[in-house]
mmCIF file of all heavy atoms, coordinates in Angstrom:
data_MODEL
# 
_entry.id   MODEL 
# 
loop_
_atom_site.group_PDB 
_atom_site.id 
_atom_site.type_symbol 
_atom_site.label_atom_id 
_atom_site.label_alt_id 
_atom_site.label_comp_id 
_atom_site.label_asym_id 
_atom_site.label_entity_id 
_atom_site.label_seq_id 
_atom_site.pdbx_PDB_ins_code 
_atom_site.Cartn_x 
_atom_site.Cartn_y 
_atom_site.Cartn_z 
_atom_site.occupancy 
_atom_site.B_iso_or_equiv 
_atom_site.pdbx_formal_charge 
_atom_site.auth_seq_id 
_atom_site.auth_comp_id 
_atom_site.auth_asym_id 
_atom_site.auth_atom_id 
_atom_site.pdbx_PDB_model_num 
ATOM 1   N N   . MET A 1 1  ? -71.877 -7.535  -42.837 1.00 0.00 ? 1  MET A N   1 
ATOM 2   C CA  . MET A 1 1  ? -71.348 -6.203  -42.540 1.00 0.00 ? 1  MET A CA  1 
ATOM 3   C C   . MET A 1 1  ? -69.921 -6.340  -42.381 1.00 0.00 ? 1  MET A C   1 
ATOM 4   O O   . MET A 1 1  ? -69.368 -7.248  -41.951 1.00 0.00 ? 1  MET A O   1 
ATOM 5   C CB  . MET A 1 1  ? -72.058 -5.632  -41.247 1.00 0.00 ? 1  MET A CB  1 
ATOM 6   C CG  . MET A 1 1  ? -73.516 -5.331  -41.382 1.00 0.00 ? 1  MET A CG  1 
ATOM 7   S SD  . MET A 1 1  ? -73.911 -4.496  -39.838 1.00 0.00 ? 1  MET A SD  1 
ATOM 8   C CE  . MET A 1 1  ? -75.315 -3.649  -40.437 1.00 0.00 ? 1  MET A CE  1 
ATOM 9   N N   . LYS A 1 2  ? -69.231 -5.223  -42.636 1.00 0.00 ? 2  LYS A N   1 
ATOM 10  C CA  . LYS A 1 2  ? -67.787 -5.143  -42.564 1.00 0.00 ? 2  LYS A CA  1 
ATOM 11  C C   . LYS A 1 2  ? -67.374 -5.350  -41.114 1.00 0.00 ? 2  LYS A C   1 
ATOM 12  O O   . LYS A 1 2  ? -67.816 -4.761  -40.170 1.00 0.00 ? 2  LYS A O   1 
ATOM 13  C CB  . LYS A 1 2  ? -67.273 -3.749  -43.135 1.00 0.00 ? 2  LYS A CB  1 
ATOM 14  C CG  . LYS A 1 2  ? -65.808 -3.710  -43.313 1.00 0.00 ? 2  LYS A CG  1 
ATOM 15  C CD  . LYS A 1 2  ? -65.359 -2.454  -43.893 1.00 0.00 ? 2  LYS A CD  1 
ATOM 16  C CE  . LYS A 1 2  ? -63.824 -2.495  -44.082 1.00 0.00 ? 2  LYS A CE  1 
ATOM 17  N NZ  . LYS A 1 2  ? -63.343 -1.278  -44.652 1.00 0.00 ? 2  LYS A NZ  1 
ATOM 18  N N   . GLY A 1 3  ? -66.303 -6.146  -40.952 1.00 0.00 ? 3  GLY A N   1 
ATOM 19  C CA  . GLY A 1 3  ? -65.755 -6.396  -39.622 1.00 0.00 ? 3  GLY A CA  1 
ATOM 20  C C   . GLY A 1 3  ? -66.420 -7.462  -38.781 1.00 0.00 ? 3  GLY A C   1 
ATOM 21  O O   . GLY A 1 3  ? -65.897 -7.804  -37.797 1.00 0.00 ? 3  GLY A O   1 
ATOM 22  N N   . GLU A 1 4  ? -67.548 -8.037  -39.225 1.00 0.00 ? 4  GLU A N   1 
ATOM 23  C CA  . GLU A 1 4  ? -68.247 -9.056  -38.447 1.00 0.00 ? 4  GLU A CA  1 
ATOM 24  C C   . GLU A 1 4  ? -67.598 -10.350 -38.810 1.00 0.00 ? 4  GLU A C   1 
ATOM 25  O O   . GLU A 1 4  ? -67.188 -10.610 -39.817 1.00 0.00 ? 4  GLU A O   1 
ATOM 26  C CB  . GLU A 1 4  ? -69.734 -9.052  -38.784 1.00 0.00 ? 4  GLU A CB  1 
ATOM 27  C CG  . GLU A 1 4  ? -70.526 -7.894  -38.357 1.00 0.00 ? 4  GLU A CG  1 
ATOM 28  C CD  . GLU A 1 4  ? -71.988 -8.053  -38.646 1.00 0.00 ? 4  GLU A CD  1 
ATOM 29  O OE1 . GLU A 1 4  ? -72.389 -8.834  -39.443 1.00 0.00 ? 4  GLU A OE1 1 
ATOM 30  O OE2 . GLU A 1 4  ? -72.728 -7.457  -37.933 1.00 0.00 ? 4  GLU A OE2 1 
ATOM 31  N N   . GLN A 1 5  ? -67.518 -11.213 -37.773 1.00 0.00 ? 5  GLN A N   1 
ATOM 32  C CA  . GLN A 1 5  ? -66.892 -12.494 -37.899 1.00 0.00 ? 5  GLN A CA  1 
ATOM 33  C C   . GLN A 1 5  ? -68.140 -13.486 -37.969 1.00 0.00 ? 5  GLN A C   1 
ATOM 34  O O   . GLN A 1 5  ? -69.159 -13.470 -37.436 1.00 0.00 ? 5  GLN A O   1 
ATOM 35  C CB  . GLN A 1 5  ? -66.106 -12.925 -36.722 1.00 0.00 ? 5  GLN A CB  1 
ATOM 36  C CG  . GLN A 1 5  ? -64.811 -12.017 -36.528 1.00 0.00 ? 5  GLN A CG  1 
ATOM 37  C CD  . GLN A 1 5  ? -64.175 -12.353 -35.283 1.00 0.00 ? 5  GLN A CD  1 
ATOM 38  O OE1 . GLN A 1 5  ? -64.677 -12.768 -34.262 1.00 0.00 ? 5  GLN A OE1 1 
ATOM 39  N NE2 . GLN A 1 5  ? -62.887 -12.369 -35.371 1.00 0.00 ? 5  GLN A NE2 1 
ATOM 40  N N   . ILE A 1 6  ? -67.821 -14.569 -38.817 1.00 0.00 ? 6  ILE A N   1 
ATOM 41  C CA  . ILE A 1 6  ? -68.693 -15.601 -38.929 1.00 0.00 ? 6  ILE A CA  1 
ATOM 42  C C   . ILE A 1 6  ? -68.619 -16.565 -37.714 1.00 0.00 ? 6  ILE A C   1 
ATOM 43  O O   . ILE A 1 6  ? -67.604 -16.799 -37.235 1.00 0.00 ? 6  ILE A O   1 
ATOM 44  C CB  . ILE A 1 6  ? -68.412 -16.504 -40.159 1.00 0.00 ? 6  ILE A CB  1 
ATOM 45  C CG1 . ILE A 1 6  ? -68.518 -15.716 -41.423 1.00 0.00 ? 6  ILE A CG1 1 
ATOM 46  C CG2 . ILE A 1 6  ? -69.399 -17.723 -40.249 1.00 0.00 ? 6  ILE A CG2 1 
ATOM 47  C CD1 . ILE A 1 6  ? -69.823 -15.108 -41.711 1.00 0.00 ? 6  ILE A CD1 1 
ATOM 48  N N   . ALA A 1 7  ? -69.758 -16.873 -37.047 1.00 0.00 ? 7  ALA A N   1 
ATOM 49  C CA  . ALA A 1 7  ? -69.811 -17.650 -35.854 1.00 0.00 ? 7  ALA A CA  1 
ATOM 50  C C   . ALA A 1 7  ? -69.504 -19.214 -36.107 1.00 0.00 ? 7  ALA A C   1 
ATOM 51  O O   . ALA A 1 7  ? -69.916 -19.627 -37.183 1.00 0.00 ? 7  ALA A O   1 
ATOM 52  C CB  . ALA A 1 7  ? -71.213 -17.473 -35.099 1.00 0.00 ? 7  ALA A CB  1 
ATOM 53  N N   . ASN A 1 8  ? -68.854 -19.746 -35.217 1.00 0.00 ? 8  ASN A N   1 
ATOM 54  C CA  . ASN A 1 8  ? -68.751 -21.186 -35.202 1.00 0.00 ? 8  ASN A CA  1 
ATOM 55  C C   . ASN A 1 8  ? -70.004 -21.748 -34.490 1.00 0.00 ? 8  ASN A C   1 
ATOM 56  O O   . ASN A 1 8  ? -70.236 -21.518 -33.254 1.00 0.00 ? 8  ASN A O   1 
ATOM 57  C CB  . ASN A 1 8  ? -67.489 -21.639 -34.413 1.00 0.00 ? 8  ASN A CB  1 
ATOM 58  C CG  . ASN A 1 8  ? -67.330 -23.172 -34.210 1.00 0.00 ? 8  ASN A CG  1 
ATOM 59  O OD1 . ASN A 1 8  ? -68.316 -23.867 -34.559 1.00 0.00 ? 8  ASN A OD1 1 
ATOM 60  N ND2 . ASN A 1 8  ? -66.257 -23.585 -33.679 1.00 0.00 ? 8  ASN A ND2 1 
ATOM 61  N N   . ILE A 1 9  ? -70.955 -22.421 -35.268 1.00 0.00 ? 9  ILE A N   1 
ATOM 62  C CA  . ILE A 1 9  ? -72.264 -22.691 -34.725 1.00 0.00 ? 9  ILE A CA  1 
ATOM 63  C C   . ILE A 1 9  ? -72.116 -23.863 -33.717 1.00 0.00 ? 9  ILE A C   1 
ATOM 64  O O   . ILE A 1 9  ? -73.042 -24.111 -32.972 1.00 0.00 ? 9  ILE A O   1 
ATOM 65  C CB  . ILE A 1 9  ? -73.099 -23.136 -35.820 1.00 0.00 ? 9  ILE A CB  1 
ATOM 66  C CG1 . ILE A 1 9  ? -72.696 -24.464 -36.558 1.00 0.00 ? 9  ILE A CG1 1 
ATOM 67  C CG2 . ILE A 1 9  ? -73.519 -22.019 -36.789 1.00 0.00 ? 9  ILE A CG2 1 
ATOM 68  C CD1 . ILE A 1 9  ? -73.703 -25.107 -37.349 1.00 0.00 ? 9  ILE A CD1 1 
ATOM 69  N N   . ASN A 1 10 ? -70.892 -24.433 -33.512 1.00 0.00 ? 10 ASN A N   1 
ATOM 70  C CA  . ASN A 1 10 ? -70.657 -25.598 -32.512 1.00 0.00 ? 10 ASN A CA  1 
ATOM 71  C C   . ASN A 1 10 ? -70.082 -25.055 -31.326 1.00 0.00 ? 10 ASN A C   1 
ATOM 72  O O   . ASN A 1 10 ? -69.935 -25.753 -30.383 1.00 0.00 ? 10 ASN A O   1 
ATOM 73  C CB  . ASN A 1 10 ? -69.919 -26.637 -33.145 1.00 0.00 ? 10 ASN A CB  1 
ATOM 74  C CG  . ASN A 1 10 ? -70.615 -27.374 -34.178 1.00 0.00 ? 10 ASN A CG  1 
ATOM 75  O OD1 . ASN A 1 10 ? -71.779 -27.652 -34.128 1.00 0.00 ? 10 ASN A OD1 1 
ATOM 76  N ND2 . ASN A 1 10 ? -69.950 -27.689 -35.318 1.00 0.00 ? 10 ASN A ND2 1 
ATOM 77  N N   . ASN A 1 11 ? -69.839 -23.714 -31.118 1.00 0.00 ? 11 ASN A N   1 
ATOM 78  C CA  . ASN A 1 11 ? -69.157 -23.238 -29.960 1.00 0.00 ? 11 ASN A CA  1 
ATOM 79  C C   . ASN A 1 11 ? -70.295 -22.902 -28.936 1.00 0.00 ? 11 ASN A C   1 
ATOM 80  O O   . ASN A 1 11 ? -71.066 -21.954 -29.233 1.00 0.00 ? 11 ASN A O   1 
ATOM 81  C CB  . ASN A 1 11 ? -68.375 -22.013 -30.315 1.00 0.00 ? 11 ASN A CB  1 
ATOM 82  C CG  . ASN A 1 11 ? -67.475 -21.558 -29.178 1.00 0.00 ? 11 ASN A CG  1 
ATOM 83  O OD1 . ASN A 1 11 ? -67.508 -22.189 -28.129 1.00 0.00 ? 11 ASN A OD1 1 
ATOM 84  N ND2 . ASN A 1 11 ? -66.618 -20.520 -29.461 1.00 0.00 ? 11 ASN A ND2 1 
ATOM 85  N N   . THR A 1 12 ? -70.366 -23.620 -27.913 1.00 0.00 ? 12 THR A N   1 
ATOM 86  C CA  . THR A 1 12 ? -71.332 -23.393 -26.829 1.00 0.00 ? 12 THR A CA  1 
ATOM 87  C C   . THR A 1 12 ? -70.796 -23.348 -25.452 1.00 0.00 ? 12 THR A C   1 
ATOM 88  O O   . THR A 1 12 ? -69.562 -23.701 -25.291 1.00 0.00 ? 12 THR A O   1 
ATOM 89  C CB  . THR A 1 12 ? -72.336 -24.623 -26.810 1.00 0.00 ? 12 THR A CB  1 
ATOM 90  O OG1 . THR A 1 12 ? -71.584 -25.812 -26.438 1.00 0.00 ? 12 THR A OG1 1 
ATOM 91  C CG2 . THR A 1 12 ? -73.015 -24.881 -28.174 1.00 0.00 ? 12 THR A CG2 1 
ATOM 92  N N   . LYS A 1 13 ? -71.576 -22.761 -24.545 1.00 0.00 ? 13 LYS A N   1 
ATOM 93  C CA  . LYS A 1 13 ? -71.062 -22.630 -23.208 1.00 0.00 ? 13 LYS A CA  1 
ATOM 94  C C   . LYS A 1 13 ? -72.251 -22.661 -22.316 1.00 0.00 ? 13 LYS A C   1 
ATOM 95  O O   . LYS A 1 13 ? -73.250 -22.053 -22.630 1.00 0.00 ? 13 LYS A O   1 
ATOM 96  C CB  . LYS A 1 13 ? -70.246 -21.435 -22.975 1.00 0.00 ? 13 LYS A CB  1 
ATOM 97  C CG  . LYS A 1 13 ? -69.640 -21.342 -21.540 1.00 0.00 ? 13 LYS A CG  1 
ATOM 98  C CD  . LYS A 1 13 ? -68.363 -20.640 -21.375 1.00 0.00 ? 13 LYS A CD  1 
ATOM 99  C CE  . LYS A 1 13 ? -67.252 -21.066 -22.246 1.00 0.00 ? 13 LYS A CE  1 
ATOM 100 N NZ  . LYS A 1 13 ? -66.069 -21.317 -21.669 1.00 0.00 ? 13 LYS A NZ  1 
ATOM 101 N N   . VAL A 1 14 ? -72.123 -23.342 -21.082 1.00 0.00 ? 14 VAL A N   1 
ATOM 102 C CA  . VAL A 1 14 ? -73.179 -23.268 -20.075 1.00 0.00 ? 14 VAL A CA  1 
ATOM 103 C C   . VAL A 1 14 ? -72.637 -22.425 -18.964 1.00 0.00 ? 14 VAL A C   1 
ATOM 104 O O   . VAL A 1 14 ? -71.548 -22.571 -18.462 1.00 0.00 ? 14 VAL A O   1 
ATOM 105 C CB  . VAL A 1 14 ? -73.399 -24.780 -19.545 1.00 0.00 ? 14 VAL A CB  1 
ATOM 106 C CG1 . VAL A 1 14 ? -74.309 -24.677 -18.297 1.00 0.00 ? 14 VAL A CG1 1 
ATOM 107 C CG2 . VAL A 1 14 ? -74.072 -25.647 -20.717 1.00 0.00 ? 14 VAL A CG2 1 
ATOM 108 N N   . VAL A 1 15 ? -73.474 -21.522 -18.529 1.00 0.00 ? 15 VAL A N   1 
ATOM 109 C CA  . VAL A 1 15 ? -73.137 -20.534 -17.568 1.00 0.00 ? 15 VAL A CA  1 
ATOM 110 C C   . VAL A 1 15 ? -74.186 -20.583 -16.388 1.00 0.00 ? 15 VAL A C   1 
ATOM 111 O O   . VAL A 1 15 ? -75.318 -20.409 -16.715 1.00 0.00 ? 15 VAL A O   1 
ATOM 112 C CB  . VAL A 1 15 ? -73.065 -19.094 -18.060 1.00 0.00 ? 15 VAL A CB  1 
ATOM 113 C CG1 . VAL A 1 15 ? -72.785 -18.136 -17.080 1.00 0.00 ? 15 VAL A CG1 1 
ATOM 114 C CG2 . VAL A 1 15 ? -71.979 -19.008 -19.216 1.00 0.00 ? 15 VAL A CG2 1 
ATOM 115 N N   . GLU A 1 16 ? -73.755 -20.712 -15.135 1.00 0.00 ? 16 GLU A N   1 
ATOM 116 C CA  . GLU A 1 16 ? -74.695 -20.695 -14.003 1.00 0.00 ? 16 GLU A CA  1 
ATOM 117 C C   . GLU A 1 16 ? -74.922 -19.240 -13.673 1.00 0.00 ? 16 GLU A C   1 
ATOM 118 O O   . GLU A 1 16 ? -74.005 -18.524 -13.495 1.00 0.00 ? 16 GLU A O   1 
ATOM 119 C CB  . GLU A 1 16 ? -74.015 -21.484 -12.826 1.00 0.00 ? 16 GLU A CB  1 
ATOM 120 C CG  . GLU A 1 16 ? -75.034 -21.764 -11.758 1.00 0.00 ? 16 GLU A CG  1 
ATOM 121 C CD  . GLU A 1 16 ? -75.149 -20.588 -10.739 1.00 0.00 ? 16 GLU A CD  1 
ATOM 122 O OE1 . GLU A 1 16 ? -74.252 -19.748 -10.528 1.00 0.00 ? 16 GLU A OE1 1 
ATOM 123 O OE2 . GLU A 1 16 ? -76.231 -20.444 -10.125 1.00 0.00 ? 16 GLU A OE2 1 
ATOM 124 N N   . ALA A 1 17 ? -76.269 -18.919 -13.454 1.00 0.00 ? 17 ALA A N   1 
ATOM 125 C CA  . ALA A 1 17 ? -76.599 -17.620 -13.161 1.00 0.00 ? 17 ALA A CA  1 
ATOM 126 C C   . ALA A 1 17 ? -77.933 -17.576 -12.360 1.00 0.00 ? 17 ALA A C   1 
ATOM 127 O O   . ALA A 1 17 ? -78.892 -18.165 -12.852 1.00 0.00 ? 17 ALA A O   1 
ATOM 128 C CB  . ALA A 1 17 ? -76.711 -16.636 -14.385 1.00 0.00 ? 17 ALA A CB  1 
ATOM 129 N N   . HIS A 1 18 ? -77.926 -17.100 -11.172 1.00 0.00 ? 18 HIS A N   1 
ATOM 130 C CA  . HIS A 1 18 ? -79.154 -16.988 -10.366 1.00 0.00 ? 18 HIS A CA  1 
ATOM 131 C C   . HIS A 1 18 ? -79.828 -18.296 -10.209 1.00 0.00 ? 18 HIS A C   1 
ATOM 132 O O   . HIS A 1 18 ? -81.093 -18.384 -10.274 1.00 0.00 ? 18 HIS A O   1 
ATOM 133 C CB  . HIS A 1 18 ? -80.067 -15.946 -10.950 1.00 0.00 ? 18 HIS A CB  1 
ATOM 134 C CG  . HIS A 1 18 ? -79.445 -14.544 -11.191 1.00 0.00 ? 18 HIS A CG  1 
ATOM 135 N ND1 . HIS A 1 18 ? -79.113 -13.775 -10.113 1.00 0.00 ? 18 HIS A ND1 1 
ATOM 136 C CD2 . HIS A 1 18 ? -78.988 -13.937 -12.285 1.00 0.00 ? 18 HIS A CD2 1 
ATOM 137 C CE1 . HIS A 1 18 ? -78.598 -12.686 -10.474 1.00 0.00 ? 18 HIS A CE1 1 
ATOM 138 N NE2 . HIS A 1 18 ? -78.457 -12.737 -11.768 1.00 0.00 ? 18 HIS A NE2 1 
ATOM 139 N N   . GLY A 1 19 ? -79.155 -19.336 -9.977  1.00 0.00 ? 19 GLY A N   1 
ATOM 140 C CA  . GLY A 1 19 ? -79.688 -20.652 -9.732  1.00 0.00 ? 19 GLY A CA  1 
ATOM 141 C C   . GLY A 1 19 ? -80.177 -21.427 -10.944 1.00 0.00 ? 19 GLY A C   1 
ATOM 142 O O   . GLY A 1 19 ? -80.720 -22.482 -10.891 1.00 0.00 ? 19 GLY A O   1 
ATOM 143 N N   . TYR A 1 20 ? -79.963 -20.919 -12.116 1.00 0.00 ? 20 TYR A N   1 
ATOM 144 C CA  . TYR A 1 20 ? -80.276 -21.513 -13.343 1.00 0.00 ? 20 TYR A CA  1 
ATOM 145 C C   . TYR A 1 20 ? -78.896 -21.758 -14.189 1.00 0.00 ? 20 TYR A C   1 
ATOM 146 O O   . TYR A 1 20 ? -77.941 -21.032 -14.001 1.00 0.00 ? 20 TYR A O   1 
ATOM 147 C CB  . TYR A 1 20 ? -81.224 -20.763 -14.206 1.00 0.00 ? 20 TYR A CB  1 
ATOM 148 C CG  . TYR A 1 20 ? -82.615 -20.787 -13.583 1.00 0.00 ? 20 TYR A CG  1 
ATOM 149 C CD1 . TYR A 1 20 ? -83.054 -19.904 -12.654 1.00 0.00 ? 20 TYR A CD1 1 
ATOM 150 C CD2 . TYR A 1 20 ? -83.512 -21.790 -14.042 1.00 0.00 ? 20 TYR A CD2 1 
ATOM 151 C CE1 . TYR A 1 20 ? -84.312 -19.915 -12.076 1.00 0.00 ? 20 TYR A CE1 1 
ATOM 152 C CE2 . TYR A 1 20 ? -84.795 -21.845 -13.510 1.00 0.00 ? 20 TYR A CE2 1 
ATOM 153 C CZ  . TYR A 1 20 ? -85.268 -20.975 -12.557 1.00 0.00 ? 20 TYR A CZ  1 
ATOM 154 O OH  . TYR A 1 20 ? -86.412 -21.092 -11.963 1.00 0.00 ? 20 TYR A OH  1 
ATOM 155 N N   . TYR A 1 21 ? -79.012 -22.603 -15.102 1.00 0.00 ? 21 TYR A N   1 
ATOM 156 C CA  . TYR A 1 21 ? -77.896 -22.908 -16.002 1.00 0.00 ? 21 TYR A CA  1 
ATOM 157 C C   . TYR A 1 21 ? -78.302 -22.434 -17.427 1.00 0.00 ? 21 TYR A C   1 
ATOM 158 O O   . TYR A 1 21 ? -79.229 -23.140 -18.140 1.00 0.00 ? 21 TYR A O   1 
ATOM 159 C CB  . TYR A 1 21 ? -77.475 -24.400 -15.972 1.00 0.00 ? 21 TYR A CB  1 
ATOM 160 C CG  . TYR A 1 21 ? -76.988 -24.618 -14.610 1.00 0.00 ? 21 TYR A CG  1 
ATOM 161 C CD1 . TYR A 1 21 ? -77.889 -25.080 -13.618 1.00 0.00 ? 21 TYR A CD1 1 
ATOM 162 C CD2 . TYR A 1 21 ? -75.608 -24.590 -14.322 1.00 0.00 ? 21 TYR A CD2 1 
ATOM 163 C CE1 . TYR A 1 21 ? -77.373 -25.387 -12.344 1.00 0.00 ? 21 TYR A CE1 1 
ATOM 164 C CE2 . TYR A 1 21 ? -75.140 -24.781 -13.034 1.00 0.00 ? 21 TYR A CE2 1 
ATOM 165 C CZ  . TYR A 1 21 ? -76.045 -25.209 -12.030 1.00 0.00 ? 21 TYR A CZ  1 
ATOM 166 O OH  . TYR A 1 21 ? -75.547 -25.494 -10.889 1.00 0.00 ? 21 TYR A OH  1 
ATOM 167 N N   . ASP A 1 22 ? -77.719 -21.453 -17.928 1.00 0.00 ? 22 ASP A N   1 
ATOM 168 C CA  . ASP A 1 22 ? -78.058 -20.908 -19.306 1.00 0.00 ? 22 ASP A CA  1 
ATOM 169 C C   . ASP A 1 22 ? -77.078 -21.440 -20.355 1.00 0.00 ? 22 ASP A C   1 
ATOM 170 O O   . ASP A 1 22 ? -75.817 -21.561 -20.002 1.00 0.00 ? 22 ASP A O   1 
ATOM 171 C CB  . ASP A 1 22 ? -77.908 -19.320 -19.287 1.00 0.00 ? 22 ASP A CB  1 
ATOM 172 C CG  . ASP A 1 22 ? -78.875 -18.695 -18.310 1.00 0.00 ? 22 ASP A CG  1 
ATOM 173 O OD1 . ASP A 1 22 ? -79.927 -19.266 -18.070 1.00 0.00 ? 22 ASP A OD1 1 
ATOM 174 O OD2 . ASP A 1 22 ? -78.498 -17.691 -17.709 1.00 0.00 ? 22 ASP A OD2 1 
ATOM 175 N N   . VAL A 1 23 ? -77.640 -21.741 -21.425 1.00 0.00 ? 23 VAL A N   1 
ATOM 176 C CA  . VAL A 1 23 ? -76.842 -22.279 -22.609 1.00 0.00 ? 23 VAL A CA  1 
ATOM 177 C C   . VAL A 1 23 ? -76.674 -21.007 -23.567 1.00 0.00 ? 23 VAL A C   1 
ATOM 178 O O   . VAL A 1 23 ? -77.619 -20.447 -24.067 1.00 0.00 ? 23 VAL A O   1 
ATOM 179 C CB  . VAL A 1 23 ? -77.621 -23.365 -23.315 1.00 0.00 ? 23 VAL A CB  1 
ATOM 180 C CG1 . VAL A 1 23 ? -76.797 -23.924 -24.554 1.00 0.00 ? 23 VAL A CG1 1 
ATOM 181 C CG2 . VAL A 1 23 ? -77.792 -24.527 -22.400 1.00 0.00 ? 23 VAL A CG2 1 
ATOM 182 N N   . TYR A 1 24 ? -75.410 -20.760 -23.822 1.00 0.00 ? 24 TYR A N   1 
ATOM 183 C CA  . TYR A 1 24 ? -75.163 -19.679 -24.865 1.00 0.00 ? 24 TYR A CA  1 
ATOM 184 C C   . TYR A 1 24 ? -74.462 -20.284 -26.043 1.00 0.00 ? 24 TYR A C   1 
ATOM 185 O O   . TYR A 1 24 ? -73.789 -21.325 -25.997 1.00 0.00 ? 24 TYR A O   1 
ATOM 186 C CB  . TYR A 1 24 ? -74.027 -18.720 -24.273 1.00 0.00 ? 24 TYR A CB  1 
ATOM 187 C CG  . TYR A 1 24 ? -74.580 -17.736 -23.214 1.00 0.00 ? 24 TYR A CG  1 
ATOM 188 C CD1 . TYR A 1 24 ? -74.599 -18.218 -21.897 1.00 0.00 ? 24 TYR A CD1 1 
ATOM 189 C CD2 . TYR A 1 24 ? -75.234 -16.494 -23.520 1.00 0.00 ? 24 TYR A CD2 1 
ATOM 190 C CE1 . TYR A 1 24 ? -75.207 -17.323 -20.848 1.00 0.00 ? 24 TYR A CE1 1 
ATOM 191 C CE2 . TYR A 1 24 ? -75.730 -15.697 -22.548 1.00 0.00 ? 24 TYR A CE2 1 
ATOM 192 C CZ  . TYR A 1 24 ? -75.751 -16.136 -21.257 1.00 0.00 ? 24 TYR A CZ  1 
ATOM 193 O OH  . TYR A 1 24 ? -76.233 -15.297 -20.270 1.00 0.00 ? 24 TYR A OH  1 
# 
């Protein structure tokens, strides 16, 4: 689609939320 960016598949982040660690 127009305006969408291709993702960097190696870009990750761990976020702590409600006592768990989520991987995005």
